[in-house]
Amino acid sequence: MQSGFPSSGDNLVGMEMDVFILLGQLDAIDEDSVEARTQPHAERLIVASCSPAATATIEEVVSGVDELWNSQLRYGYDAAHIWTAESAGPQLEFITQIAEGGFYVTGAVQIRER
């Protein structure tokens, strides 16, 4: 976070839309359960949540979200993520930066029980 600046405006809204749309396209996720929003806190610019589809397990959702993060959501320049165990369920916490000295996006995706 010290090597760039927080994303804002259209760039942040674009990432929010990507998170919302791409989570809803995962077979393991109940599309109607997907929520994503931005907030003005640099340490967590995007907050999202979702629940497993009727035939999916939490483990399948975690695997799908992890693959989605690594293949489509993170920026190519730099990124880091960690899974944490929260009382509501597993949570992906992330940061990704567009370019050296460029903007970054932070956030979390909470996997809720069905």
PDB file of N, CA and C in Angstrom:
ATOM      1  N   MET A   1       0.820  -1.187   0.000  1.00  0.00           N
ATOM      2  CA  MET A   1       0.000   0.000   0.000  1.00  0.00           C
ATOM      3  C   MET A   1       0.867   1.256   0.000  1.00  0.00           C
ATOM      4  N   GLN A   2       2.086   1.149   0.509  1.00  0.00           N
ATOM      5  CA  GLN A   2       2.960   2.309   0.563  1.00  0.00           C
ATOM      6  C   GLN A   2       3.553   2.653  -0.800  1.00  0.00           C
ATOM      7  N   SER A   3       3.505   1.717  -1.747  1.00  0.00           N
ATOM      8  CA  SER A   3       4.117   1.972  -3.049  1.00  0.00           C
ATOM      9  C   SER A   3       3.120   2.463  -4.091  1.00  0.00           C
ATOM     10  N   GLY A   4       1.893   2.751  -3.687  1.00  0.00           N
ATOM     11  CA  GLY A   4       0.891   3.218  -4.640  1.00  0.00           C
ATOM     12  C   GLY A   4      -0.174   4.035  -3.933  1.00  0.00           C
ATOM     13  N   PHE A   5      -1.347   4.066  -4.532  1.00  0.00           N
ATOM     14  CA  PHE A   5      -2.468   4.818  -3.966  1.00  0.00           C
ATOM     15  C   PHE A   5      -3.749   4.012  -4.177  1.00  0.00           C
ATOM     16  N   PRO A   6      -4.742   4.191  -3.309  1.00  0.00           N
ATOM     17  CA  PRO A   6      -5.974   3.408  -3.411  1.00  0.00           C
ATOM     18  C   PRO A   6      -6.746   3.714  -4.694  1.00  0.00           C
ATOM     19  N   SER A   7      -7.289   2.679  -5.258  1.00  0.00           N
ATOM     20  CA  SER A   7      -8.134   2.817  -6.438  1.00  0.00           C
ATOM     21  C   SER A   7      -9.376   3.631  -6.086  1.00  0.00           C
ATOM     22  N   SER A   8      -9.919   4.301  -7.091  1.00  0.00           N
ATOM     23  CA  SER A   8     -11.134   5.096  -6.886  1.00  0.00           C
ATOM     24  C   SER A   8     -11.853   5.244  -8.218  1.00  0.00           C
ATOM     25  N   GLY A   9     -13.001   5.856  -8.169  1.00  0.00           N
ATOM     26  CA  GLY A   9     -13.743   6.170  -9.395  1.00  0.00           C
ATOM     27  C   GLY A   9     -14.053   4.952 -10.233  1.00  0.00           C
ATOM     28  N   ASP A  10     -13.949   5.136 -11.550  1.00  0.00           N
ATOM     29  CA  ASP A  10     -14.298   4.077 -12.501  1.00  0.00           C
ATOM     30  C   ASP A  10     -13.451   2.825 -12.329  1.00  0.00           C
ATOM     31  N   ASN A  11     -12.172   2.980 -11.968  1.00  0.00           N
ATOM     32  CA  ASN A  11     -11.323   1.798 -11.791  1.00  0.00           C
ATOM     33  C   ASN A  11     -11.835   0.923 -10.656  1.00  0.00           C
ATOM     34  N   LEU A  12     -12.192   1.528  -9.542  1.00  0.00           N
ATOM     35  CA  LEU A  12     -12.694   0.770  -8.400  1.00  0.00           C
ATOM     36  C   LEU A  12     -14.058   0.159  -8.707  1.00  0.00           C
ATOM     37  N   VAL A  13     -14.924   0.920  -9.336  1.00  0.00           N
ATOM     38  CA  VAL A  13     -16.239   0.397  -9.714  1.00  0.00           C
ATOM     39  C   VAL A  13     -16.082  -0.766 -10.689  1.00  0.00           C
ATOM     40  N   GLY A  14     -15.117  -0.676 -11.582  1.00  0.00           N
ATOM     41  CA  GLY A  14     -14.858  -1.766 -12.524  1.00  0.00           C
ATOM     42  C   GLY A  14     -14.466  -3.045 -11.820  1.00  0.00           C
ATOM     43  N   MET A  15     -13.608  -2.940 -10.813  1.00  0.00           N
ATOM     44  CA  MET A  15     -13.211  -4.131 -10.054  1.00  0.00           C
ATOM     45  C   MET A  15     -14.395  -4.676  -9.261  1.00  0.00           C
ATOM     46  N   GLU A  16     -15.192  -3.787  -8.680  1.00  0.00           N
ATOM     47  CA  GLU A  16     -16.393  -4.222  -7.954  1.00  0.00           C
ATOM     48  C   GLU A  16     -17.318  -5.011  -8.877  1.00  0.00           C
ATOM     49  N   MET A  17     -17.529  -4.504 -10.086  1.00  0.00           N
ATOM     50  CA  MET A  17     -18.385  -5.185 -11.059  1.00  0.00           C
ATOM     51  C   MET A  17     -17.792  -6.530 -11.452  1.00  0.00           C
ATOM     52  N   ASP A  18     -16.476  -6.583 -11.674  1.00  0.00           N
ATOM     53  CA  ASP A  18     -15.825  -7.850 -12.011  1.00  0.00           C
ATOM     54  C   ASP A  18     -16.028  -8.878 -10.907  1.00  0.00           C
ATOM     55  N   VAL A  19     -15.820  -8.468  -9.656  1.00  0.00           N
ATOM     56  CA  VAL A  19     -16.011  -9.376  -8.528  1.00  0.00           C
ATOM     57  C   VAL A  19     -17.450  -9.891  -8.517  1.00  0.00           C
ATOM     58  N   PHE A  20     -18.412  -9.006  -8.618  1.00  0.00           N
ATOM     59  CA  PHE A  20     -19.827  -9.381  -8.580  1.00  0.00           C
ATOM     60  C   PHE A  20     -20.186 -10.340  -9.714  1.00  0.00           C
ATOM     61  N   ILE A  21     -19.831  -9.985 -10.917  1.00  0.00           N
ATOM     62  CA  ILE A  21     -20.201 -10.792 -12.089  1.00  0.00           C
ATOM     63  C   ILE A  21     -19.489 -12.136 -12.079  1.00  0.00           C
ATOM     64  N   LEU A  22     -18.180 -12.135 -11.855  1.00  0.00           N
ATOM     65  CA  LEU A  22     -17.415 -13.378 -11.932  1.00  0.00           C
ATOM     66  C   LEU A  22     -17.756 -14.342 -10.798  1.00  0.00           C
ATOM     67  N   LEU A  23     -18.003 -13.846  -9.589  1.00  0.00           N
ATOM     68  CA  LEU A  23     -18.451 -14.733  -8.522  1.00  0.00           C
ATOM     69  C   LEU A  23     -19.769 -15.400  -8.900  1.00  0.00           C
ATOM     70  N   GLY A  24     -20.685 -14.629  -9.455  1.00  0.00           N
ATOM     71  CA  GLY A  24     -21.989 -15.161  -9.846  1.00  0.00           C
ATOM     72  C   GLY A  24     -21.928 -16.186 -10.954  1.00  0.00           C
ATOM     73  N   GLN A  25     -20.842 -16.228 -11.700  1.00  0.00           N
ATOM     74  CA  GLN A  25     -20.687 -17.190 -12.789  1.00  0.00           C
ATOM     75  C   GLN A  25     -20.083 -18.516 -12.347  1.00  0.00           C
ATOM     76  N   LEU A  26     -19.552 -18.574 -11.127  1.00  0.00           N
ATOM     77  CA  LEU A  26     -18.977 -19.831 -10.641  1.00  0.00           C
ATOM     78  C   LEU A  26     -20.092 -20.833 -10.343  1.00  0.00           C
ATOM     79  N   ASP A  27     -19.963 -22.046 -10.857  1.00  0.00           N
ATOM     80  CA  ASP A  27     -20.983 -23.078 -10.650  1.00  0.00           C
ATOM     81  C   ASP A  27     -21.200 -23.401  -9.172  1.00  0.00           C
ATOM     82  N   ALA A  28     -20.160 -23.315  -8.371  1.00  0.00           N
ATOM     83  CA  ALA A  28     -20.246 -23.675  -6.956  1.00  0.00           C
ATOM     84  C   ALA A  28     -20.957 -22.615  -6.112  1.00  0.00           C
ATOM     85  N   ILE A  29     -21.242 -21.456  -6.685  1.00  0.00           N
ATOM     86  CA  ILE A  29     -21.839 -20.350  -5.932  1.00  0.00           C
ATOM     87  C   ILE A  29     -23.287 -20.122  -6.347  1.00  0.00           C
ATOM     88  N   ASP A  30     -24.131 -19.889  -5.363  1.00  0.00           N
ATOM     89  CA  ASP A  30     -25.514 -19.496  -5.608  1.00  0.00           C
ATOM     90  C   ASP A  30     -25.494 -18.057  -6.118  1.00  0.00           C
ATOM     91  N   GLU A  31     -25.797 -17.872  -7.374  1.00  0.00           N
ATOM     92  CA  GLU A  31     -25.714 -16.560  -8.019  1.00  0.00           C
ATOM     93  C   GLU A  31     -26.525 -15.495  -7.271  1.00  0.00           C
ATOM     94  N   ASP A  32     -27.673 -15.882  -6.731  1.00  0.00           N
ATOM     95  CA  ASP A  32     -28.525 -14.923  -6.020  1.00  0.00           C
ATOM     96  C   ASP A  32     -27.934 -14.479  -4.677  1.00  0.00           C
ATOM     97  N   SER A  33     -26.935 -15.202  -4.183  1.00  0.00           N
ATOM     98  CA  SER A  33     -26.344 -14.853  -2.889  1.00  0.00           C
ATOM     99  C   SER A  33     -25.199 -13.851  -3.001  1.00  0.00           C
ATOM    100  N   VAL A  34     -24.756 -13.567  -4.197  1.00  0.00           N
ATOM    101  CA  VAL A  34     -23.577 -12.723  -4.398  1.00  0.00           C
ATOM    102  C   VAL A  34     -23.896 -11.258  -4.105  1.00  0.00           C
ATOM    103  N   GLU A  35     -23.040 -10.671  -3.281  1.00  0.00           N
ATOM    104  CA  GLU A  35     -23.107  -9.246  -2.994  1.00  0.00           C
ATOM    105  C   GLU A  35     -21.701  -8.680  -3.113  1.00  0.00           C
ATOM    106  N   ALA A  36     -21.593  -7.462  -3.595  1.00  0.00           N
ATOM    107  CA  ALA A  36     -20.303  -6.766  -3.661  1.00  0.00           C
ATOM    108  C   ALA A  36     -20.570  -5.274  -3.593  1.00  0.00           C
ATOM    109  N   ARG A  37     -19.722  -4.594  -2.839  1.00  0.00           N
ATOM    110  CA  ARG A  37     -19.860  -3.135  -2.735  1.00  0.00           C
ATOM    111  C   ARG A  37     -18.492  -2.528  -2.457  1.00  0.00           C
ATOM    112  N   THR A  38     -18.367  -1.273  -2.773  1.00  0.00           N
ATOM    113  CA  THR A  38     -17.144  -0.548  -2.451  1.00  0.00           C
ATOM    114  C   THR A  38     -17.357   0.218  -1.158  1.00  0.00           C
ATOM    115  N   GLN A  39     -16.257   0.561  -0.531  1.00  0.00           N
ATOM    116  CA  GLN A  39     -16.314   1.411   0.652  1.00  0.00           C
ATOM    117  C   GLN A  39     -15.070   2.290   0.667  1.00  0.00           C
ATOM    118  N   PRO A  40     -15.093   3.378   1.399  1.00  0.00           N
ATOM    119  CA  PRO A  40     -14.021   4.371   1.323  1.00  0.00           C
ATOM    120  C   PRO A  40     -12.831   4.100   2.241  1.00  0.00           C
ATOM    121  N   HIS A  41     -12.601   2.854   2.602  1.00  0.00           N
ATOM    122  CA  HIS A  41     -11.509   2.520   3.510  1.00  0.00           C
ATOM    123  C   HIS A  41     -10.380   1.866   2.715  1.00  0.00           C
ATOM    124  N   ALA A  42      -9.222   2.486   2.659  1.00  0.00           N
ATOM    125  CA  ALA A  42      -8.116   2.003   1.840  1.00  0.00           C
ATOM    126  C   ALA A  42      -7.713   0.569   2.171  1.00  0.00           C
ATOM    127  N   GLU A  43      -7.879   0.173   3.424  1.00  0.00           N
ATOM    128  CA  GLU A  43      -7.479  -1.177   3.806  1.00  0.00           C
ATOM    129  C   GLU A  43      -8.491  -2.242   3.380  1.00  0.00           C
ATOM    130  N   ARG A  44      -9.679  -1.832   2.922  1.00  0.00           N
ATOM    131  CA  ARG A  44     -10.686  -2.769   2.432  1.00  0.00           C
ATOM    132  C   ARG A  44     -11.649  -2.019   1.524  1.00  0.00           C
ATOM    133  N   LEU A  45     -11.238  -1.818   0.278  1.00  0.00           N
ATOM    134  CA  LEU A  45     -12.016  -1.029  -0.677  1.00  0.00           C
ATOM    135  C   LEU A  45     -13.240  -1.774  -1.207  1.00  0.00           C
ATOM    136  N   ILE A  46     -13.130  -3.095  -1.304  1.00  0.00           N
ATOM    137  CA  ILE A  46     -14.247  -3.906  -1.807  1.00  0.00           C
ATOM    138  C   ILE A  46     -14.592  -4.956  -0.767  1.00  0.00           C
ATOM    139  N   VAL A  47     -15.875  -5.089  -0.492  1.00  0.00           N
ATOM    140  CA  VAL A  47     -16.373  -6.120   0.403  1.00  0.00           C
ATOM    141  C   VAL A  47     -17.398  -6.928  -0.387  1.00  0.00           C
ATOM    142  N   ALA A  48     -17.188  -8.242  -0.438  1.00  0.00           N
ATOM    143  CA  ALA A  48     -18.089  -9.116  -1.182  1.00  0.00           C
ATOM    144  C   ALA A  48     -18.424 -10.332  -0.325  1.00  0.00           C
ATOM    145  N   SER A  49     -19.529 -10.978  -0.670  1.00  0.00           N
ATOM    146  CA  SER A  49     -19.909 -12.208   0.011  1.00  0.00           C
ATOM    147  C   SER A  49     -20.707 -13.079  -0.939  1.00  0.00           C
ATOM    148  N   CYS A  50     -20.745 -14.358  -0.608  1.00  0.00           N
ATOM    149  CA  CYS A  50     -21.498 -15.313  -1.419  1.00  0.00           C
ATOM    150  C   CYS A  50     -21.709 -16.582  -0.602  1.00  0.00           C
ATOM    151  N   SER A  51     -22.585 -17.448  -1.083  1.00  0.00           N
ATOM    152  CA  SER A  51     -22.885 -18.732  -0.446  1.00  0.00           C
ATOM    153  C   SER A  51     -22.806 -19.835  -1.491  1.00  0.00           C
ATOM    154  N   PRO A  52     -22.590 -21.061  -1.040  1.00  0.00           N
ATOM    155  CA  PRO A  52     -22.532 -22.180  -1.980  1.00  0.00           C
ATOM    156  C   PRO A  52     -23.870 -22.412  -2.678  1.00  0.00           C
ATOM    157  N   ALA A  53     -23.788 -22.926  -3.880  1.00  0.00           N
ATOM    158  CA  ALA A  53     -24.981 -23.397  -4.575  1.00  0.00           C
ATOM    159  C   ALA A  53     -25.512 -24.616  -3.822  1.00  0.00           C
ATOM    160  N   ALA A  54     -26.727 -25.016  -4.113  1.00  0.00           N
ATOM    161  CA  ALA A  54     -27.381 -26.102  -3.383  1.00  0.00           C
ATOM    162  C   ALA A  54     -26.576 -27.399  -3.394  1.00  0.00           C
ATOM    163  N   THR A  55     -25.859 -27.670  -4.459  1.00  0.00           N
ATOM    164  CA  THR A  55     -25.125 -28.936  -4.580  1.00  0.00           C
ATOM    165  C   THR A  55     -23.633 -28.795  -4.297  1.00  0.00           C
ATOM    166  N   ALA A  56     -23.185 -27.626  -3.842  1.00  0.00           N
ATOM    167  CA  ALA A  56     -21.753 -27.379  -3.648  1.00  0.00           C
ATOM    168  C   ALA A  56     -21.387 -27.349  -2.172  1.00  0.00           C
ATOM    169  N   THR A  57     -20.128 -27.636  -1.909  1.00  0.00           N
ATOM    170  CA  THR A  57     -19.603 -27.561  -0.554  1.00  0.00           C
ATOM    171  C   THR A  57     -18.820 -26.255  -0.386  1.00  0.00           C
ATOM    172  N   ILE A  58     -18.585 -25.895   0.859  1.00  0.00           N
ATOM    173  CA  ILE A  58     -17.752 -24.714   1.153  1.00  0.00           C
ATOM    174  C   ILE A  58     -16.374 -24.886   0.512  1.00  0.00           C
ATOM    175  N   GLU A  59     -15.830 -26.090   0.580  1.00  0.00           N
ATOM    176  CA  GLU A  59     -14.502 -26.351   0.016  1.00  0.00           C
ATOM    177  C   GLU A  59     -14.471 -26.104  -1.494  1.00  0.00           C
ATOM    178  N   GLU A  60     -15.544 -26.472  -2.190  1.00  0.00           N
ATOM    179  CA  GLU A  60     -15.622 -26.222  -3.628  1.00  0.00           C
ATOM    180  C   GLU A  60     -15.698 -24.724  -3.918  1.00  0.00           C
ATOM    181  N   VAL A  61     -16.416 -23.984  -3.081  1.00  0.00           N
ATOM    182  CA  VAL A  61     -16.498 -22.535  -3.257  1.00  0.00           C
ATOM    183  C   VAL A  61     -15.132 -21.903  -3.025  1.00  0.00           C
ATOM    184  N   VAL A  62     -14.459 -22.296  -1.949  1.00  0.00           N
ATOM    185  CA  VAL A  62     -13.129 -21.760  -1.658  1.00  0.00           C
ATOM    186  C   VAL A  62     -12.181 -22.039  -2.822  1.00  0.00           C
ATOM    187  N   SER A  63     -12.195 -23.245  -3.325  1.00  0.00           N
ATOM    188  CA  SER A  63     -11.334 -23.599  -4.463  1.00  0.00           C
ATOM    189  C   SER A  63     -11.668 -22.759  -5.690  1.00  0.00           C
ATOM    190  N   GLY A  64     -12.957 -22.589  -5.975  1.00  0.00           N
ATOM    191  CA  GLY A  64     -13.375 -21.803  -7.134  1.00  0.00           C
ATOM    192  C   GLY A  64     -13.006 -20.335  -7.007  1.00  0.00           C
ATOM    193  N   VAL A  65     -13.212 -19.767  -5.820  1.00  0.00           N
ATOM    194  CA  VAL A  65     -12.879 -18.351  -5.598  1.00  0.00           C
ATOM    195  C   VAL A  65     -11.370 -18.154  -5.678  1.00  0.00           C
ATOM    196  N   ASP A  66     -10.612 -19.092  -5.123  1.00  0.00           N
ATOM    197  CA  ASP A  66      -9.153 -19.003  -5.187  1.00  0.00           C
ATOM    198  C   ASP A  66      -8.670 -19.018  -6.639  1.00  0.00           C
ATOM    199  N   GLU A  67      -9.208 -19.917  -7.430  1.00  0.00           N
ATOM    200  CA  GLU A  67      -8.840 -19.997  -8.849  1.00  0.00           C
ATOM    201  C   GLU A  67      -9.255 -18.724  -9.588  1.00  0.00           C
ATOM    202  N   LEU A  68     -10.440 -18.218  -9.299  1.00  0.00           N
ATOM    203  CA  LEU A  68     -10.919 -16.982  -9.917  1.00  0.00           C
ATOM    204  C   LEU A  68      -9.997 -15.813  -9.585  1.00  0.00           C
ATOM    205  N   TRP A  69      -9.596 -15.704  -8.323  1.00  0.00           N
ATOM    206  CA  TRP A  69      -8.676 -14.650  -7.911  1.00  0.00           C
ATOM    207  C   TRP A  69      -7.375 -14.730  -8.709  1.00  0.00           C
ATOM    208  N   ASN A  70      -6.793 -15.912  -8.757  1.00  0.00           N
ATOM    209  CA  ASN A  70      -5.490 -16.082  -9.405  1.00  0.00           C
ATOM    210  C   ASN A  70      -5.531 -15.960 -10.927  1.00  0.00           C
ATOM    211  N   SER A  71      -6.655 -16.310 -11.537  1.00  0.00           N
ATOM    212  CA  SER A  71      -6.707 -16.328 -13.000  1.00  0.00           C
ATOM    213  C   SER A  71      -7.356 -15.093 -13.626  1.00  0.00           C
ATOM    214  N   GLN A  72      -8.286 -14.425 -12.914  1.00  0.00           N
ATOM    215  CA  GLN A  72      -9.027 -13.350 -13.567  1.00  0.00           C
ATOM    216  C   GLN A  72      -9.132 -12.038 -12.793  1.00  0.00           C
ATOM    217  N   LEU A  73      -9.117 -12.098 -11.469  1.00  0.00           N
ATOM    218  CA  LEU A  73      -9.374 -10.878 -10.710  1.00  0.00           C
ATOM    219  C   LEU A  73      -8.121 -10.084 -10.360  1.00  0.00           C
ATOM    220  N   ARG A  74      -7.064 -10.726  -9.986  1.00  0.00           N
ATOM    221  CA  ARG A  74      -5.855 -10.015  -9.561  1.00  0.00           C
ATOM    222  C   ARG A  74      -5.197  -9.316 -10.749  1.00  0.00           C
ATOM    223  N   TYR A  75      -4.534  -8.209 -10.454  1.00  0.00           N
ATOM    224  CA  TYR A  75      -3.782  -7.515 -11.492  1.00  0.00           C
ATOM    225  C   TYR A  75      -2.452  -8.239 -11.711  1.00  0.00           C
ATOM    226  N   GLY A  76      -1.924  -8.134 -12.915  1.00  0.00           N
ATOM    227  CA  GLY A  76      -0.706  -8.847 -13.275  1.00  0.00           C
ATOM    228  C   GLY A  76       0.555  -8.333 -12.615  1.00  0.00           C
ATOM    229  N   TYR A  77       0.573  -7.060 -12.219  1.00  0.00           N
ATOM    230  CA  TYR A  77       1.808  -6.502 -11.673  1.00  0.00           C
ATOM    231  C   TYR A  77       2.152  -7.112 -10.314  1.00  0.00           C
ATOM    232  N   ASP A  78       1.238  -7.054  -9.362  1.00  0.00           N
ATOM    233  CA  ASP A  78       1.527  -7.571  -8.035  1.00  0.00           C
ATOM    234  C   ASP A  78       0.224  -7.873  -7.310  1.00  0.00           C
ATOM    235  N   ALA A  79       0.243  -8.901  -6.479  1.00  0.00           N
ATOM    236  CA  ALA A  79      -0.948  -9.254  -5.702  1.00  0.00           C
ATOM    237  C   ALA A  79      -0.570 -10.197  -4.577  1.00  0.00           C
ATOM    238  N   ALA A  80      -1.379 -10.175  -3.557  1.00  0.00           N
ATOM    239  CA  ALA A  80      -1.248 -11.113  -2.444  1.00  0.00           C
ATOM    240  C   ALA A  80      -2.641 -11.406  -1.910  1.00  0.00           C
ATOM    241  N   HIS A  81      -2.806 -12.613  -1.406  1.00  0.00           N
ATOM    242  CA  HIS A  81      -4.075 -12.957  -0.778  1.00  0.00           C
ATOM    243  C   HIS A  81      -3.850 -13.989   0.314  1.00  0.00           C
ATOM    244  N   ILE A  82      -4.802 -14.063   1.216  1.00  0.00           N
ATOM    245  CA  ILE A  82      -4.759 -15.029   2.307  1.00  0.00           C
ATOM    246  C   ILE A  82      -6.191 -15.429   2.642  1.00  0.00           C
ATOM    247  N   TRP A  83      -6.360 -16.681   2.992  1.00  0.00           N
ATOM    248  CA  TRP A  83      -7.654 -17.155   3.475  1.00  0.00           C
ATOM    249  C   TRP A  83      -7.634 -17.138   4.995  1.00  0.00           C
ATOM    250  N   THR A  84      -8.669 -16.581   5.594  1.00  0.00           N
ATOM    251  CA  THR A  84      -8.793 -16.569   7.044  1.00  0.00           C
ATOM    252  C   THR A  84     -10.075 -17.289   7.446  1.00  0.00           C
ATOM    253  N   ALA A  85     -10.065 -17.829   8.649  1.00  0.00           N
ATOM    254  CA  ALA A  85     -11.244 -18.505   9.184  1.00  0.00           C
ATOM    255  C   ALA A  85     -11.998 -17.517  10.059  1.00  0.00           C
ATOM    256  N   GLU A  86     -13.138 -17.092   9.581  1.00  0.00           N
ATOM    257  CA  GLU A  86     -13.985 -16.147  10.313  1.00  0.00           C
ATOM    258  C   GLU A  86     -15.198 -16.904  10.863  1.00  0.00           C
ATOM    259  N   SER A  87     -15.878 -16.347  11.830  1.00  0.00           N
ATOM    260  CA  SER A  87     -17.042 -17.021  12.412  1.00  0.00           C
ATOM    261  C   SER A  87     -18.148 -17.245  11.376  1.00  0.00           C
ATOM    262  N   ALA A  88     -18.255 -16.366  10.393  1.00  0.00           N
ATOM    263  CA  ALA A  88     -19.277 -16.505   9.347  1.00  0.00           C
ATOM    264  C   ALA A  88     -18.862 -17.483   8.252  1.00  0.00           C
ATOM    265  N   GLY A  89     -17.582 -17.874   8.217  1.00  0.00           N
ATOM    266  CA  GLY A  89     -17.080 -18.783   7.197  1.00  0.00           C
ATOM    267  C   GLY A  89     -15.745 -18.299   6.663  1.00  0.00           C
ATOM    268  N   PRO A  90     -15.159 -19.044   5.731  1.00  0.00           N
ATOM    269  CA  PRO A  90     -13.861 -18.663   5.173  1.00  0.00           C
ATOM    270  C   PRO A  90     -13.933 -17.300   4.490  1.00  0.00           C
ATOM    271  N   GLN A  91     -12.830 -16.572   4.536  1.00  0.00           N
ATOM    272  CA  GLN A  91     -12.776 -15.250   3.921  1.00  0.00           C
ATOM    273  C   GLN A  91     -11.449 -15.069   3.187  1.00  0.00           C
ATOM    274  N   LEU A  92     -11.549 -14.653   1.926  1.00  0.00           N
ATOM    275  CA  LEU A  92     -10.379 -14.292   1.131  1.00  0.00           C
ATOM    276  C   LEU A  92     -10.110 -12.809   1.338  1.00  0.00           C
ATOM    277  N   GLU A  93      -8.932 -12.488   1.843  1.00  0.00           N
ATOM    278  CA  GLU A  93      -8.513 -11.096   1.972  1.00  0.00           C
ATOM    279  C   GLU A  93      -7.442 -10.856   0.914  1.00  0.00           C
ATOM    280  N   PHE A  94      -7.510  -9.710   0.226  1.00  0.00           N
ATOM    281  CA  PHE A  94      -6.606  -9.516  -0.901  1.00  0.00           C
ATOM    282  C   PHE A  94      -6.142  -8.076  -1.058  1.00  0.00           C
ATOM    283  N   ILE A  95      -5.039  -7.964  -1.784  1.00  0.00           N
ATOM    284  CA  ILE A  95      -4.545  -6.681  -2.289  1.00  0.00           C
ATOM    285  C   ILE A  95      -3.915  -6.963  -3.644  1.00  0.00           C
ATOM    286  N   THR A  96      -4.124  -6.058  -4.581  1.00  0.00           N
ATOM    287  CA  THR A  96      -3.507  -6.185  -5.899  1.00  0.00           C
ATOM    288  C   THR A  96      -3.202  -4.792  -6.432  1.00  0.00           C
ATOM    289  N   GLN A  97      -2.091  -4.675  -7.117  1.00  0.00           N
ATOM    290  CA  GLN A  97      -1.648  -3.373  -7.627  1.00  0.00           C
ATOM    291  C   GLN A  97      -1.497  -3.440  -9.142  1.00  0.00           C
ATOM    292  N   ILE A  98      -1.923  -2.391  -9.817  1.00  0.00           N
ATOM    293  CA  ILE A  98      -1.965  -2.349 -11.283  1.00  0.00           C
ATOM    294  C   ILE A  98      -0.580  -2.210 -11.912  1.00  0.00           C
ATOM    295  N   ALA A  99       0.303  -1.414 -11.308  1.00  0.00           N
ATOM    296  CA  ALA A  99       1.642  -1.158 -11.853  1.00  0.00           C
ATOM    297  C   ALA A  99       2.503  -0.537 -10.760  1.00  0.00           C
ATOM    298  N   GLU A 100       3.785  -0.502 -10.985  1.00  0.00           N
ATOM    299  CA  GLU A 100       4.683   0.132 -10.026  1.00  0.00           C
ATOM    300  C   GLU A 100       4.255   1.581  -9.796  1.00  0.00           C
ATOM    301  N   GLY A 101       4.014   1.939  -8.548  1.00  0.00           N
ATOM    302  CA  GLY A 101       3.566   3.291  -8.217  1.00  0.00           C
ATOM    303  C   GLY A 101       2.116   3.567  -8.559  1.00  0.00           C
ATOM    304  N   GLY A 102       1.418   2.575  -9.113  1.00  0.00           N
ATOM    305  CA  GLY A 102       0.029   2.760  -9.528  1.00  0.00           C
ATOM    306  C   GLY A 102      -0.969   2.458  -8.426  1.00  0.00           C
ATOM    307  N   PHE A 103      -2.244   2.466  -8.794  1.00  0.00           N
ATOM    308  CA  PHE A 103      -3.290   2.246  -7.808  1.00  0.00           C
ATOM    309  C   PHE A 103      -3.372   0.782  -7.402  1.00  0.00           C
ATOM    310  N   TYR A 104      -3.920   0.577  -6.218  1.00  0.00           N
ATOM    311  CA  TYR A 104      -4.138  -0.767  -5.710  1.00  0.00           C
ATOM    312  C   TYR A 104      -5.592  -0.930  -5.287  1.00  0.00           C
ATOM    313  N   VAL A 105      -6.020  -2.186  -5.207  1.00  0.00           N
ATOM    314  CA  VAL A 105      -7.351  -2.525  -4.715  1.00  0.00           C
ATOM    315  C   VAL A 105      -7.176  -3.533  -3.582  1.00  0.00           C
ATOM    316  N   THR A 106      -7.840  -3.271  -2.472  1.00  0.00           N
ATOM    317  CA  THR A 106      -7.867  -4.192  -1.345  1.00  0.00           C
ATOM    318  C   THR A 106      -9.295  -4.674  -1.173  1.00  0.00           C
ATOM    319  N   GLY A 107      -9.454  -5.787  -0.491  1.00  0.00           N
ATOM    320  CA  GLY A 107     -10.811  -6.238  -0.242  1.00  0.00           C
ATOM    321  C   GLY A 107     -10.896  -7.583   0.419  1.00  0.00           C
ATOM    322  N   ALA A 108     -12.128  -8.054   0.527  1.00  0.00           N
ATOM    323  CA  ALA A 108     -12.401  -9.352   1.130  1.00  0.00           C
ATOM    324  C   ALA A 108     -13.631  -9.967   0.477  1.00  0.00           C
ATOM    325  N   VAL A 109     -13.595 -11.297   0.349  1.00  0.00           N
ATOM    326  CA  VAL A 109     -14.740 -12.066  -0.121  1.00  0.00           C
ATOM    327  C   VAL A 109     -15.088 -13.058   0.980  1.00  0.00           C
ATOM    328  N   GLN A 110     -16.250 -12.887   1.587  1.00  0.00           N
ATOM    329  CA  GLN A 110     -16.715 -13.751   2.670  1.00  0.00           C
ATOM    330  C   GLN A 110     -17.560 -14.877   2.087  1.00  0.00           C
ATOM    331  N   ILE A 111     -17.226 -16.129   2.425  1.00  0.00           N
ATOM    332  CA  ILE A 111     -18.022 -17.272   2.003  1.00  0.00           C
ATOM    333  C   ILE A 111     -18.943 -17.620   3.173  1.00  0.00           C
ATOM    334  N   ARG A 112     -20.226 -17.407   2.990  1.00  0.00           N
ATOM    335  CA  ARG A 112     -21.214 -17.676   4.043  1.00  0.00           C
ATOM    336  C   ARG A 112     -21.797 -19.067   3.876  1.00  0.00           C
ATOM    337  N   GLU A 113     -22.261 -19.628   4.980  1.00  0.00           N
ATOM    338  CA  GLU A 113     -22.987 -20.902   4.925  1.00  0.00           C
ATOM    339  C   GLU A 113     -24.288 -20.699   4.146  1.00  0.00           C
ATOM    340  N   ARG A 114     -24.780 -21.749   3.558  1.00  0.00           N
ATOM    341  CA  ARG A 114     -26.047 -21.722   2.839  1.00  0.00           C
ATOM    342  C   ARG A 114     -27.182 -21.382   3.755  1.00  0.00           C
TER     343      ARG A 114
END
